[in-house]
Amino acid sequence: MPLHIVNTRNSLEHALQHIADDDSLLLIEAAVLTLADNCLELMHITGGRNLNLYALTEDAVELGLKPTEEAPAQWTDMEGFITLCESHQPIISW
């Protein structure tokens, strides 16, 4: 199963044109800011697809976001980032 790593909102919108159901999507850097948007907007952006959505905790904190359980993504740290990379093929950076 592919892992799509996205670092900006523009990259996210582009990547979502190519992501299939059940793919994994990891938001890093500025892309984690999409989680601060209205959850309905994020669902609109993702097209309601069944994605495995992850976000990097360290980047969220650095950008002033407080990771919450209500977020539509699973929070992961750098160790989790590495685990995701090890357990997915191919890895596609956007």
N, C-alpha and C. Protein backbone atom coordinates (compact mmCIF):
# COMPACT_ATOMS: atom_id res chain seq x y z
N MET A 1 0.84 -1.17 0.00
CA MET A 1 0.00 0.00 0.00
C MET A 1 0.89 1.24 0.00
N PRO A 2 0.59 2.22 -0.86
CA PRO A 2 1.41 3.43 -0.95
C PRO A 2 1.27 4.35 0.26
N LEU A 3 2.36 5.06 0.52
CA LEU A 3 2.35 6.14 1.51
C LEU A 3 2.63 7.42 0.75
N HIS A 4 1.69 8.36 0.83
CA HIS A 4 1.84 9.67 0.20
C HIS A 4 2.23 10.65 1.29
N ILE A 5 3.36 11.31 1.14
CA ILE A 5 3.84 12.29 2.11
C ILE A 5 3.65 13.68 1.49
N VAL A 6 2.88 14.52 2.18
CA VAL A 6 2.51 15.82 1.65
C VAL A 6 2.99 16.91 2.61
N ASN A 7 3.60 17.97 2.05
CA ASN A 7 4.14 19.01 2.92
C ASN A 7 3.48 20.39 2.77
N THR A 8 2.57 20.57 1.81
CA THR A 8 1.84 21.84 1.69
C THR A 8 0.40 21.57 1.30
N ARG A 9 -0.46 22.55 1.50
CA ARG A 9 -1.86 22.40 1.11
C ARG A 9 -1.98 22.24 -0.41
N ASN A 10 -1.21 23.01 -1.17
CA ASN A 10 -1.25 22.87 -2.63
C ASN A 10 -0.83 21.47 -3.05
N SER A 11 0.19 20.95 -2.40
CA SER A 11 0.64 19.58 -2.69
C SER A 11 -0.46 18.58 -2.35
N LEU A 12 -1.17 18.84 -1.27
CA LEU A 12 -2.26 17.95 -0.86
C LEU A 12 -3.34 17.90 -1.94
N GLU A 13 -3.74 19.05 -2.42
CA GLU A 13 -4.78 19.08 -3.45
C GLU A 13 -4.32 18.36 -4.71
N HIS A 14 -3.05 18.50 -5.07
CA HIS A 14 -2.51 17.79 -6.24
C HIS A 14 -2.44 16.29 -5.99
N ALA A 15 -1.93 15.92 -4.82
CA ALA A 15 -1.77 14.49 -4.50
C ALA A 15 -3.11 13.78 -4.49
N LEU A 16 -4.13 14.45 -4.00
CA LEU A 16 -5.45 13.80 -3.88
C LEU A 16 -6.05 13.44 -5.23
N GLN A 17 -5.54 14.00 -6.28
CA GLN A 17 -5.99 13.61 -7.62
C GLN A 17 -5.47 12.22 -8.00
N HIS A 18 -4.48 11.73 -7.24
CA HIS A 18 -3.83 10.46 -7.59
C HIS A 18 -3.94 9.41 -6.49
N ILE A 19 -4.49 9.76 -5.36
CA ILE A 19 -4.56 8.84 -4.23
C ILE A 19 -5.81 7.97 -4.34
N ALA A 20 -5.64 6.70 -4.06
CA ALA A 20 -6.75 5.74 -4.12
C ALA A 20 -7.26 5.44 -2.72
N ASP A 21 -8.47 4.89 -2.65
CA ASP A 21 -9.00 4.44 -1.38
C ASP A 21 -8.01 3.49 -0.72
N ASP A 22 -7.94 3.60 0.59
CA ASP A 22 -7.08 2.75 1.43
C ASP A 22 -5.59 3.08 1.33
N ASP A 23 -5.20 4.07 0.54
CA ASP A 23 -3.82 4.54 0.58
C ASP A 23 -3.59 5.25 1.91
N SER A 24 -2.35 5.42 2.26
CA SER A 24 -2.00 6.16 3.47
C SER A 24 -1.47 7.53 3.08
N LEU A 25 -1.86 8.53 3.85
CA LEU A 25 -1.48 9.91 3.59
C LEU A 25 -0.91 10.50 4.87
N LEU A 26 0.31 11.01 4.80
CA LEU A 26 0.98 11.60 5.94
C LEU A 26 1.17 13.09 5.69
N LEU A 27 0.58 13.91 6.56
CA LEU A 27 0.73 15.36 6.47
C LEU A 27 1.92 15.79 7.30
N ILE A 28 2.84 16.51 6.68
CA ILE A 28 4.01 17.02 7.38
C ILE A 28 4.13 18.52 7.09
N GLU A 29 5.04 19.17 7.79
CA GLU A 29 5.35 20.58 7.59
C GLU A 29 4.06 21.40 7.52
N ALA A 30 3.93 22.30 6.55
CA ALA A 30 2.77 23.19 6.47
C ALA A 30 1.47 22.46 6.17
N ALA A 31 1.53 21.25 5.64
CA ALA A 31 0.30 20.50 5.33
C ALA A 31 -0.50 20.17 6.59
N VAL A 32 0.16 20.11 7.76
CA VAL A 32 -0.60 19.83 8.99
C VAL A 32 -1.57 20.96 9.30
N LEU A 33 -1.36 22.14 8.73
CA LEU A 33 -2.27 23.25 8.96
C LEU A 33 -3.67 22.98 8.42
N THR A 34 -3.79 22.05 7.47
CA THR A 34 -5.12 21.71 6.96
C THR A 34 -5.99 21.13 8.07
N LEU A 35 -5.36 20.59 9.12
CA LEU A 35 -6.12 20.04 10.24
C LEU A 35 -6.72 21.13 11.10
N ALA A 36 -6.20 22.34 10.99
CA ALA A 36 -6.77 23.47 11.73
C ALA A 36 -8.00 24.01 11.03
N ASP A 37 -8.15 23.67 9.76
CA ASP A 37 -9.33 24.09 9.00
C ASP A 37 -10.54 23.31 9.51
N ASN A 38 -11.67 23.77 9.12
CA ASN A 38 -12.91 23.08 9.44
C ASN A 38 -12.82 21.64 8.95
N CYS A 39 -13.21 20.68 9.78
CA CYS A 39 -13.14 19.26 9.40
C CYS A 39 -13.97 18.96 8.16
N LEU A 40 -15.09 19.68 7.99
CA LEU A 40 -15.90 19.47 6.79
C LEU A 40 -15.13 19.88 5.54
N GLU A 41 -14.32 20.95 5.66
CA GLU A 41 -13.51 21.37 4.52
C GLU A 41 -12.46 20.31 4.20
N LEU A 42 -11.86 19.73 5.23
CA LEU A 42 -10.86 18.68 4.99
C LEU A 42 -11.53 17.48 4.33
N MET A 43 -12.73 17.13 4.77
CA MET A 43 -13.45 16.02 4.14
C MET A 43 -13.75 16.35 2.68
N HIS A 44 -14.07 17.61 2.40
CA HIS A 44 -14.31 18.02 1.02
C HIS A 44 -13.02 17.88 0.21
N ILE A 45 -11.91 18.32 0.80
CA ILE A 45 -10.62 18.23 0.10
C ILE A 45 -10.26 16.78 -0.19
N THR A 46 -10.48 15.89 0.76
CA THR A 46 -10.12 14.48 0.57
C THR A 46 -11.16 13.74 -0.26
N GLY A 47 -12.26 14.40 -0.55
CA GLY A 47 -13.28 13.76 -1.37
C GLY A 47 -14.02 12.66 -0.65
N GLY A 48 -13.95 12.63 0.67
CA GLY A 48 -14.64 11.61 1.44
C GLY A 48 -14.07 10.21 1.24
N ARG A 49 -12.87 10.13 0.69
CA ARG A 49 -12.24 8.82 0.47
C ARG A 49 -11.86 8.15 1.77
N ASN A 50 -11.76 6.86 1.72
CA ASN A 50 -11.33 6.07 2.87
C ASN A 50 -9.81 6.03 2.89
N LEU A 51 -9.20 7.08 3.47
CA LEU A 51 -7.75 7.17 3.54
C LEU A 51 -7.27 6.88 4.95
N ASN A 52 -6.08 6.36 5.05
CA ASN A 52 -5.41 6.24 6.34
C ASN A 52 -4.64 7.54 6.51
N LEU A 53 -5.18 8.45 7.29
CA LEU A 53 -4.65 9.80 7.40
C LEU A 53 -3.82 9.96 8.66
N TYR A 54 -2.59 10.41 8.50
CA TYR A 54 -1.65 10.62 9.60
C TYR A 54 -1.13 12.06 9.54
N ALA A 55 -0.70 12.58 10.68
CA ALA A 55 -0.09 13.90 10.73
C ALA A 55 1.07 13.87 11.72
N LEU A 56 2.12 14.58 11.38
CA LEU A 56 3.32 14.59 12.20
C LEU A 56 3.15 15.57 13.37
N THR A 57 3.19 15.04 14.57
CA THR A 57 2.96 15.82 15.78
C THR A 57 3.96 16.95 15.92
N GLU A 58 5.24 16.68 15.70
CA GLU A 58 6.27 17.69 15.88
C GLU A 58 6.02 18.91 15.00
N ASP A 59 5.59 18.69 13.75
CA ASP A 59 5.33 19.81 12.86
C ASP A 59 4.11 20.61 13.31
N ALA A 60 3.09 19.91 13.79
CA ALA A 60 1.89 20.61 14.29
C ALA A 60 2.25 21.52 15.45
N VAL A 61 3.01 20.99 16.40
CA VAL A 61 3.40 21.78 17.57
C VAL A 61 4.25 22.97 17.15
N GLU A 62 5.19 22.75 16.26
CA GLU A 62 6.06 23.83 15.78
C GLU A 62 5.27 24.95 15.12
N LEU A 63 4.17 24.59 14.46
CA LEU A 63 3.34 25.58 13.77
C LEU A 63 2.22 26.13 14.66
N GLY A 64 2.24 25.77 15.95
CA GLY A 64 1.29 26.33 16.89
C GLY A 64 -0.02 25.58 17.02
N LEU A 65 -0.11 24.38 16.44
CA LEU A 65 -1.32 23.58 16.56
C LEU A 65 -1.20 22.65 17.75
N LYS A 66 -2.30 22.43 18.41
CA LYS A 66 -2.32 21.48 19.52
C LYS A 66 -2.95 20.18 19.01
N PRO A 67 -2.16 19.12 18.91
CA PRO A 67 -2.72 17.84 18.46
C PRO A 67 -3.85 17.39 19.39
N THR A 68 -5.00 17.10 18.81
CA THR A 68 -6.16 16.66 19.60
C THR A 68 -6.67 15.34 19.06
N GLU A 69 -7.39 14.64 19.92
CA GLU A 69 -7.99 13.38 19.50
C GLU A 69 -9.12 13.59 18.51
N GLU A 70 -9.69 14.80 18.48
CA GLU A 70 -10.80 15.08 17.58
C GLU A 70 -10.35 15.27 16.14
N ALA A 71 -9.07 15.44 15.92
CA ALA A 71 -8.57 15.65 14.57
C ALA A 71 -8.89 14.44 13.70
N PRO A 72 -9.13 14.67 12.42
CA PRO A 72 -9.45 13.55 11.53
C PRO A 72 -8.23 12.71 11.14
N ALA A 73 -7.10 12.98 11.76
CA ALA A 73 -5.87 12.24 11.46
C ALA A 73 -5.35 11.57 12.72
N GLN A 74 -4.58 10.51 12.51
CA GLN A 74 -3.85 9.89 13.62
C GLN A 74 -2.53 10.64 13.76
N TRP A 75 -2.23 11.07 14.97
CA TRP A 75 -0.97 11.79 15.21
C TRP A 75 0.17 10.80 15.32
N THR A 76 1.30 11.16 14.76
CA THR A 76 2.47 10.29 14.84
C THR A 76 3.72 11.14 15.08
N ASP A 77 4.68 10.54 15.77
CA ASP A 77 5.95 11.23 16.01
C ASP A 77 6.96 10.76 14.96
N MET A 78 8.20 11.20 15.10
CA MET A 78 9.22 10.84 14.11
C MET A 78 9.45 9.33 14.04
N GLU A 79 9.38 8.67 15.17
CA GLU A 79 9.53 7.21 15.16
C GLU A 79 8.40 6.56 14.36
N GLY A 80 7.18 7.08 14.54
CA GLY A 80 6.04 6.59 13.78
C GLY A 80 6.18 6.89 12.29
N PHE A 81 6.76 8.04 11.97
CA PHE A 81 7.03 8.41 10.59
C PHE A 81 7.92 7.35 9.95
N ILE A 82 8.98 6.98 10.65
CA ILE A 82 9.90 5.97 10.14
C ILE A 82 9.19 4.63 9.98
N THR A 83 8.37 4.27 10.94
CA THR A 83 7.63 3.00 10.87
C THR A 83 6.70 3.01 9.66
N LEU A 84 6.02 4.12 9.43
CA LEU A 84 5.14 4.22 8.25
C LEU A 84 5.95 4.02 6.97
N CYS A 85 7.11 4.65 6.89
CA CYS A 85 7.96 4.51 5.70
C CYS A 85 8.44 3.07 5.51
N GLU A 86 8.73 2.41 6.60
CA GLU A 86 9.21 1.02 6.52
C GLU A 86 8.10 0.05 6.13
N SER A 87 6.86 0.40 6.44
CA SER A 87 5.75 -0.54 6.21
C SER A 87 4.94 -0.25 4.96
N HIS A 88 5.34 0.74 4.17
CA HIS A 88 4.61 1.09 2.95
C HIS A 88 5.54 1.09 1.74
N GLN A 89 4.99 0.69 0.62
CA GLN A 89 5.69 0.78 -0.65
C GLN A 89 4.65 1.02 -1.72
N PRO A 90 4.85 1.91 -2.63
CA PRO A 90 5.94 2.88 -2.68
C PRO A 90 5.69 4.05 -1.74
N ILE A 91 6.70 4.87 -1.55
CA ILE A 91 6.60 6.12 -0.80
C ILE A 91 6.65 7.23 -1.84
N ILE A 92 5.63 8.08 -1.82
CA ILE A 92 5.54 9.14 -2.81
C ILE A 92 5.48 10.47 -2.09
N SER A 93 6.44 11.33 -2.38
CA SER A 93 6.48 12.67 -1.75
C SER A 93 5.90 13.68 -2.73
N TRP A 94 5.07 14.54 -2.20
CA TRP A 94 4.41 15.56 -3.02
C TRP A 94 4.87 16.93 -2.57
